[in-house]
Protein backbone atom coordinates (compact mmCIF):
# COMPACT_ATOMS: atom_id res chain seq x y z
CA UNK A 1 -58.16 -33.30 -8.39
CA UNK A 2 -60.78 -30.65 -9.22
CA UNK A 3 -60.33 -28.09 -12.01
CA UNK A 4 -59.88 -25.16 -9.60
CA UNK A 5 -56.95 -26.88 -7.88
CA UNK A 6 -55.38 -27.75 -11.24
CA UNK A 7 -55.71 -24.11 -12.29
CA UNK A 8 -54.12 -22.91 -9.03
CA UNK A 9 -51.17 -25.29 -9.32
CA UNK A 10 -50.64 -24.27 -12.92
CA UNK A 11 -50.67 -20.58 -12.00
CA UNK A 12 -48.13 -21.13 -9.21
CA UNK A 13 -45.87 -23.03 -11.61
CA UNK A 14 -45.93 -20.17 -14.12
CA UNK A 15 -45.19 -17.65 -11.37
CA UNK A 16 -42.23 -19.74 -10.19
CA UNK A 17 -40.80 -19.84 -13.72
CA UNK A 18 -41.23 -16.07 -14.13
CA UNK A 19 -39.60 -15.40 -10.76
CA UNK A 20 -36.63 -17.57 -11.68
CA UNK A 21 -36.34 -15.71 -14.99
CA UNK A 22 -36.32 -12.34 -13.23
CA UNK A 23 -33.59 -13.55 -10.88
CA UNK A 24 -31.44 -14.65 -13.80
CA UNK A 25 -31.68 -11.33 -15.64
CA UNK A 26 -30.60 -9.53 -12.46
CA UNK A 27 -27.14 -11.08 -12.45
CA UNK A 28 -25.64 -7.66 -11.65
CA UNK A 29 -26.95 -7.83 -8.08
CA UNK A 30 -24.27 -7.76 -5.37
CA UNK A 31 -25.16 -11.32 -4.31
CA UNK A 32 -25.25 -12.72 -7.84
CA UNK A 33 -23.50 -16.03 -8.52
CA UNK A 34 -21.11 -16.46 -11.41
CA UNK A 35 -22.47 -18.20 -14.54
CA UNK A 36 -21.28 -21.82 -14.80
CA UNK A 37 -19.25 -21.19 -17.98
CA UNK A 38 -17.14 -18.60 -16.16
CA UNK A 39 -16.62 -20.91 -13.20
CA UNK A 40 -15.41 -23.80 -15.32
CA UNK A 41 -13.40 -22.07 -18.05
CA UNK A 42 -10.10 -23.34 -16.70
CA UNK A 43 -8.45 -24.46 -13.49
CA UNK A 44 -9.05 -22.32 -10.39
CA UNK A 45 -7.01 -19.13 -10.34
CA UNK A 46 -4.39 -19.04 -7.61
CA UNK A 47 -2.32 -16.04 -8.71
CA UNK A 48 -3.52 -13.13 -10.82
CA UNK A 49 -2.29 -10.23 -12.92
CA UNK A 50 -4.18 -6.98 -13.44
CA UNK A 51 -3.44 -3.32 -14.28
CA UNK A 52 -2.91 -0.61 -11.66
CA UNK A 53 -4.16 2.96 -11.57
CA UNK A 54 -0.74 3.95 -12.92
CA UNK A 55 -1.08 1.65 -15.92
CA UNK A 56 1.52 -0.77 -14.57
CA UNK A 57 1.17 -4.52 -14.50
CA UNK A 58 0.27 -5.87 -11.08
CA UNK A 59 1.16 -9.40 -9.98
CA UNK A 60 -0.45 -10.88 -6.90
CA UNK A 61 2.95 -12.36 -6.09
CA UNK A 62 3.94 -8.85 -4.96
CA UNK A 63 1.71 -9.50 -1.92
CA UNK A 64 3.66 -12.58 -0.85
CA UNK A 65 4.74 -12.41 2.77
CA UNK A 66 2.37 -9.56 3.62
CA UNK A 67 -1.02 -9.24 5.27
CA UNK A 68 -3.38 -7.86 2.65
CA UNK A 69 -7.00 -6.79 2.27
CA UNK A 70 -9.05 -7.18 -0.93
CA UNK A 71 -12.34 -5.59 -1.97
CA UNK A 72 -14.44 -4.78 -5.03
CA UNK A 73 -15.86 -1.41 -6.08
CA UNK A 74 -16.35 0.80 -9.13
CA UNK A 75 -15.79 4.53 -9.52
CA UNK A 76 -19.36 5.35 -10.61
CA UNK A 77 -20.82 3.53 -7.61
CA UNK A 78 -22.89 5.55 -5.17
CA UNK A 79 -22.95 5.69 -1.41
CA UNK A 80 -21.98 2.07 -0.67
CA UNK A 81 -18.65 2.28 -2.51
CA UNK A 82 -17.95 5.68 -1.01
CA UNK A 83 -18.57 4.37 2.49
CA UNK A 84 -16.61 1.18 1.85
CA UNK A 85 -13.59 3.04 0.54
CA UNK A 86 -13.79 5.70 3.24
CA UNK A 87 -13.42 2.88 5.78
CA UNK A 88 -10.53 1.45 3.79
CA UNK A 89 -8.86 4.86 3.68
CA UNK A 90 -8.89 4.89 7.47
CA UNK A 91 -7.46 1.38 7.64
CA UNK A 92 -4.78 2.33 5.12
CA UNK A 93 -3.63 5.25 7.24
CA UNK A 94 -3.45 3.06 10.33
CA UNK A 95 -2.11 -0.20 8.95
CA UNK A 96 -0.34 0.67 5.69
CA UNK A 97 2.79 1.87 7.50
CA UNK A 98 2.67 -1.36 9.53
CA UNK A 99 2.96 -3.49 6.41
CA UNK A 100 -0.64 -4.18 5.39
CA UNK A 101 -1.48 -3.87 1.69
CA UNK A 102 -4.89 -2.94 0.30
CA UNK A 103 -6.15 -4.07 -3.11
CA UNK A 104 -9.38 -2.67 -4.60
CA UNK A 105 -10.56 -4.22 -7.87
CA UNK A 106 -13.02 -2.48 -10.18
CA UNK A 107 -16.02 -4.46 -11.40
CA UNK A 108 -16.69 -1.83 -14.09
CA UNK A 109 -13.44 -2.19 -16.04
CA UNK A 110 -14.75 -0.86 -19.35
CA UNK A 111 -15.19 2.52 -17.67
CA UNK A 112 -12.55 2.25 -14.97
CA UNK A 113 -9.43 2.53 -17.08
CA UNK A 114 -6.21 3.48 -15.26
CA UNK A 115 -6.85 7.21 -15.65
CA UNK A 116 -10.23 6.90 -13.95
CA UNK A 117 -8.75 4.79 -11.18
CA UNK A 118 -5.96 7.30 -10.67
CA UNK A 119 -8.45 10.15 -10.26
CA UNK A 120 -10.48 8.07 -7.84
CA UNK A 121 -7.40 7.05 -5.85
CA UNK A 122 -6.45 10.70 -5.48
CA UNK A 123 -9.98 11.55 -4.40
CA UNK A 124 -9.76 8.87 -1.70
CA UNK A 125 -6.31 10.10 -0.60
CA UNK A 126 -4.91 6.66 -1.32
CA UNK A 127 -1.21 6.19 -0.64
CA UNK A 128 0.06 4.20 -3.61
CA UNK A 129 2.65 2.51 -1.41
CA UNK A 130 -0.10 0.72 0.48
CA UNK A 131 -3.33 0.89 -1.54
CA UNK A 132 -3.59 -0.28 -5.16
CA UNK A 133 -6.60 0.08 -7.47
CA UNK A 134 -6.87 -2.52 -10.23
CA UNK A 135 -8.67 -3.07 -13.52
CA UNK A 136 -8.63 -5.68 -16.28
CA UNK A 137 -10.85 -8.10 -18.17
CA UNK A 138 -14.27 -8.47 -16.54
CA UNK A 139 -14.53 -12.25 -16.94
CA UNK A 140 -11.08 -12.64 -15.41
CA UNK A 141 -11.96 -10.23 -12.60
CA UNK A 142 -15.07 -12.26 -11.80
CA UNK A 143 -13.02 -15.46 -11.69
CA UNK A 144 -10.60 -13.80 -9.28
CA UNK A 145 -13.58 -12.98 -7.09
CA UNK A 146 -14.75 -16.58 -7.14
CA UNK A 147 -11.42 -18.41 -6.97
CA UNK A 148 -9.18 -16.13 -4.89
CA UNK A 149 -11.09 -13.49 -2.96
CA UNK A 150 -14.20 -15.49 -2.20
CA UNK A 151 -16.69 -12.77 -3.10
CA UNK A 152 -19.41 -12.92 -5.79
CA UNK A 153 -19.05 -10.10 -8.29
CA UNK A 154 -20.59 -9.09 -11.59
CA UNK A 155 -20.47 -6.05 -13.84
CA UNK A 156 -21.17 -3.08 -11.53
CA UNK A 157 -22.36 -5.56 -8.91
CA UNK A 158 -20.51 -6.28 -5.70
CA UNK A 159 -20.91 -6.24 -1.94
CA UNK A 160 -19.28 -4.16 0.80
CA UNK A 161 -17.12 -6.97 2.10
CA UNK A 162 -13.37 -7.07 2.62
CA UNK A 163 -11.37 -10.30 2.49
CA UNK A 164 -8.31 -10.44 4.73
CA UNK A 165 -5.32 -12.61 3.80
CA UNK A 166 -2.42 -13.70 5.95
CA UNK A 167 1.26 -13.65 4.99
CA UNK A 168 1.01 -17.05 3.33
CA UNK A 169 -1.77 -15.83 1.02
CA UNK A 170 -4.54 -17.74 2.79
CA UNK A 171 -7.93 -16.07 3.22
CA UNK A 172 -8.58 -15.74 6.94
CA UNK A 173 -11.93 -13.97 7.01
CA UNK A 174 -14.52 -11.90 5.14
CA UNK A 175 -16.08 -8.88 6.88
CA UNK A 176 -18.69 -6.24 6.13
CA UNK A 177 -16.73 -2.99 6.00
CA UNK A 178 -19.73 -0.74 6.51
CA UNK A 179 -21.02 -2.63 9.54
CA UNK A 180 -19.15 -1.16 12.51
CA UNK A 181 -19.21 -4.33 14.62
CA UNK A 182 -18.16 -6.60 11.78
CA UNK A 183 -15.43 -4.20 10.70
CA UNK A 184 -14.12 -4.17 14.27
CA UNK A 185 -13.79 -7.97 14.06
CA UNK A 186 -11.87 -7.57 10.82
CA UNK A 187 -9.55 -5.01 12.42
CA UNK A 188 -8.88 -7.42 15.28
CA UNK A 189 -7.98 -10.10 12.75
CA UNK A 190 -5.51 -7.71 11.10
CA UNK A 191 -3.94 -7.06 14.49
CA UNK A 192 -3.72 -10.79 15.15
CA UNK A 193 -2.15 -11.49 11.77
CA UNK A 194 0.43 -8.76 12.25
CA UNK A 195 1.30 -10.27 15.61
CA UNK A 196 1.79 -13.73 14.15
CA UNK A 197 5.42 -14.76 13.96
CA UNK A 198 6.94 -16.92 11.30
CA UNK A 199 7.13 -20.55 12.28
CA UNK A 200 10.54 -21.32 13.76
CA UNK A 201 12.81 -23.54 11.73
CA UNK A 202 12.88 -27.20 12.74
CA UNK A 203 15.63 -27.85 15.22
CA UNK A 204 17.87 -30.84 14.66
CA UNK A 205 20.03 -32.62 17.15
CA UNK A 206 23.60 -31.49 17.00
């Protein structure tokens, strides 16, 4: 192997290491993965508790038996959050009265205390009966994203996806809320889930 080829391979190796380093320091990107220590710091979360825009404790068990939609955002976010939550506001008006619940979790909890969430909820014309804004510990919020909602999230880093859950609490699909076609597929799923009937009880011979 000649010296020029050795030099080229060495340069490429250094560039690869630097690129990997830059990726790691940009963990606040919307598509960032959770660090391993946060993924393995306990058994997977199935239920969760956070704090609402009213300062009340929120238990995910309050969603039992209902179709519900989860998303991430933060109040200081720019156009993407505004567009995401504008779409959710429309869904809330249409489907809230039909029994669908909406849960928006802040990924900037140090800033998004209940008072900030309350102001933001009012700005979005959120009906508190149907749409709840939540805050809490960031590490815990990120674990909820990984274990329950199925969306990668970091501090002030999230995507524009919504996760739709059926009445049993199972995730049935993840959709891009600011892509009109994908959102339409999510809306159809909501319609389908609302139309689903509870399984009939097993009949026994009399």
